[in-house]
């Protein structure tokens, strides 16, 4: 009876240890998807001009990044969106983490230009 208890405890410890290693791999795609969604939403909010000549949501880089994110090519979409935000002189927002943090203040479009003058 004593050896059966030892075996079951050992088996439980092995299963528990194996189960603790998998969540890091399981959470990678949702984190990348969340990052992709975050960047496209940020661009849609702050990168779209209100003038008639603004490409806005019709920006081909933004459209291609959205398609990449929908098809699971998150790294490619994230890289495209970060480059697009930098080209539009916008700050790239920090990646979301699982640790609670106060939100960074968002800068509206054009604040960078006003500060440099």
Protein backbone atom coordinates (compact mmCIF):
# COMPACT_ATOMS: atom_id res chain seq x y z
CA UNK A 1 0.00 0.00 0.00
CA UNK A 2 2.85 2.33 0.78
CA UNK A 3 4.41 1.84 -2.67
CA UNK A 4 1.05 2.50 -4.39
CA UNK A 5 0.77 5.84 -2.58
CA UNK A 6 4.32 6.71 -3.57
CA UNK A 7 3.68 5.80 -7.21
CA UNK A 8 0.49 7.83 -7.39
CA UNK A 9 2.21 10.83 -5.79
CA UNK A 10 5.10 10.54 -8.23
CA UNK A 11 2.73 10.25 -11.20
CA UNK A 12 0.78 13.30 -10.00
CA UNK A 13 4.00 15.31 -9.67
CA UNK A 14 5.07 14.39 -13.21
CA UNK A 15 1.69 15.32 -14.69
CA UNK A 16 1.64 18.58 -12.75
CA UNK A 17 5.15 19.50 -13.89
CA UNK A 18 4.37 18.68 -17.52
CA UNK A 19 1.18 20.75 -17.36
CA UNK A 20 3.01 23.80 -16.05
CA UNK A 21 5.33 23.94 -19.08
CA UNK A 22 2.67 24.15 -21.78
CA UNK A 23 0.83 27.43 -20.98
CA UNK A 24 3.77 29.52 -22.21
CA UNK A 25 3.49 27.95 -25.65
CA UNK A 26 -0.30 28.01 -25.64
CA UNK A 27 -0.47 31.75 -24.94
CA UNK A 28 1.90 32.92 -27.66
CA UNK A 29 -0.58 33.14 -30.60
CA UNK A 30 -3.30 34.94 -28.60
CA UNK A 31 -0.70 37.45 -27.39
CA UNK A 32 0.47 38.08 -30.93
CA UNK A 33 -3.14 38.38 -32.10
CA UNK A 34 -3.84 40.87 -29.32
CA UNK A 35 -0.75 42.86 -30.32
CA UNK A 36 -1.83 42.86 -33.95
CA UNK A 37 -5.32 44.05 -32.98
CA UNK A 38 -3.83 46.68 -30.69
CA UNK A 39 -1.65 48.19 -33.41
CA UNK A 40 -4.36 48.24 -36.08
CA UNK A 41 -6.84 49.81 -33.65
CA UNK A 42 -4.26 52.40 -32.61
CA UNK A 43 -3.61 53.29 -36.25
CA UNK A 44 -7.32 53.46 -37.01
CA UNK A 45 -7.77 55.86 -34.10
CA UNK A 46 -4.72 58.10 -34.38
CA UNK A 47 -3.23 57.54 -37.84
CA UNK A 48 -6.29 58.35 -39.88
CA UNK A 49 -6.49 61.97 -40.98
CA UNK A 50 -9.74 63.82 -41.23
CA UNK A 51 -8.95 65.60 -44.48
CA UNK A 52 -10.19 64.62 -47.92
CA UNK A 53 -6.70 63.55 -49.03
CA UNK A 54 -6.09 61.13 -46.16
CA UNK A 55 -5.65 57.50 -47.08
CA UNK A 56 -6.79 56.47 -43.59
CA UNK A 57 -8.31 53.00 -43.47
CA UNK A 58 -7.62 52.68 -47.23
CA UNK A 59 -3.86 52.62 -46.58
CA UNK A 60 -2.53 49.58 -48.41
CA UNK A 61 0.03 48.78 -45.72
CA UNK A 62 -2.71 48.81 -43.08
CA UNK A 63 -4.97 46.62 -45.23
CA UNK A 64 -2.15 44.12 -45.88
CA UNK A 65 -1.28 43.99 -42.17
CA UNK A 66 -4.94 43.33 -41.31
CA UNK A 67 -5.05 40.48 -43.82
CA UNK A 68 -1.79 39.04 -42.45
CA UNK A 69 -3.23 39.11 -38.93
CA UNK A 70 -6.45 37.42 -40.06
CA UNK A 71 -4.47 34.63 -41.73
CA UNK A 72 -2.32 34.01 -38.65
CA UNK A 73 0.85 35.69 -39.92
CA UNK A 74 1.03 37.85 -36.81
CA UNK A 75 4.76 38.64 -36.88
CA UNK A 76 4.51 39.99 -40.42
CA UNK A 77 1.42 42.08 -39.61
CA UNK A 78 2.95 43.46 -36.43
CA UNK A 79 6.16 44.46 -38.22
CA UNK A 80 4.17 46.19 -40.98
CA UNK A 81 2.00 48.10 -38.53
CA UNK A 82 4.96 49.20 -36.40
CA UNK A 83 6.74 50.49 -39.52
CA UNK A 84 3.58 52.28 -40.67
CA UNK A 85 3.14 53.98 -37.29
CA UNK A 86 6.76 55.13 -37.30
CA UNK A 87 6.40 56.45 -40.86
CA UNK A 88 3.34 58.44 -39.77
CA UNK A 89 5.42 59.91 -36.89
CA UNK A 90 3.32 58.17 -34.24
CA UNK A 91 4.65 56.46 -31.13
CA UNK A 92 4.33 52.70 -31.24
CA UNK A 93 2.35 51.69 -28.14
CA UNK A 94 3.93 49.25 -25.70
CA UNK A 95 3.00 45.60 -26.07
CA UNK A 96 0.32 44.41 -23.62
CA UNK A 97 1.59 42.30 -20.74
CA UNK A 98 -0.11 40.08 -18.19
CA UNK A 99 1.08 42.36 -15.41
CA UNK A 100 -1.30 45.15 -14.45
CA UNK A 101 0.19 48.51 -15.40
CA UNK A 102 -1.24 51.99 -15.59
CA UNK A 103 -2.03 52.90 -19.19
CA UNK A 104 0.45 55.15 -20.91
CA UNK A 105 -0.99 58.49 -21.98
CA UNK A 106 -1.87 58.44 -25.65
CA UNK A 107 -0.61 61.22 -27.85
CA UNK A 108 -2.99 62.55 -30.46
CA UNK A 109 -1.86 62.89 -34.05
CA UNK A 110 0.30 65.96 -34.51
CA UNK A 111 1.51 66.37 -30.94
CA UNK A 112 5.01 65.41 -32.01
CA UNK A 113 5.00 68.27 -34.53
CA UNK A 114 3.71 70.77 -31.97
CA UNK A 115 6.41 69.84 -29.48
CA UNK A 116 9.19 70.25 -32.05
CA UNK A 117 8.19 73.80 -33.03
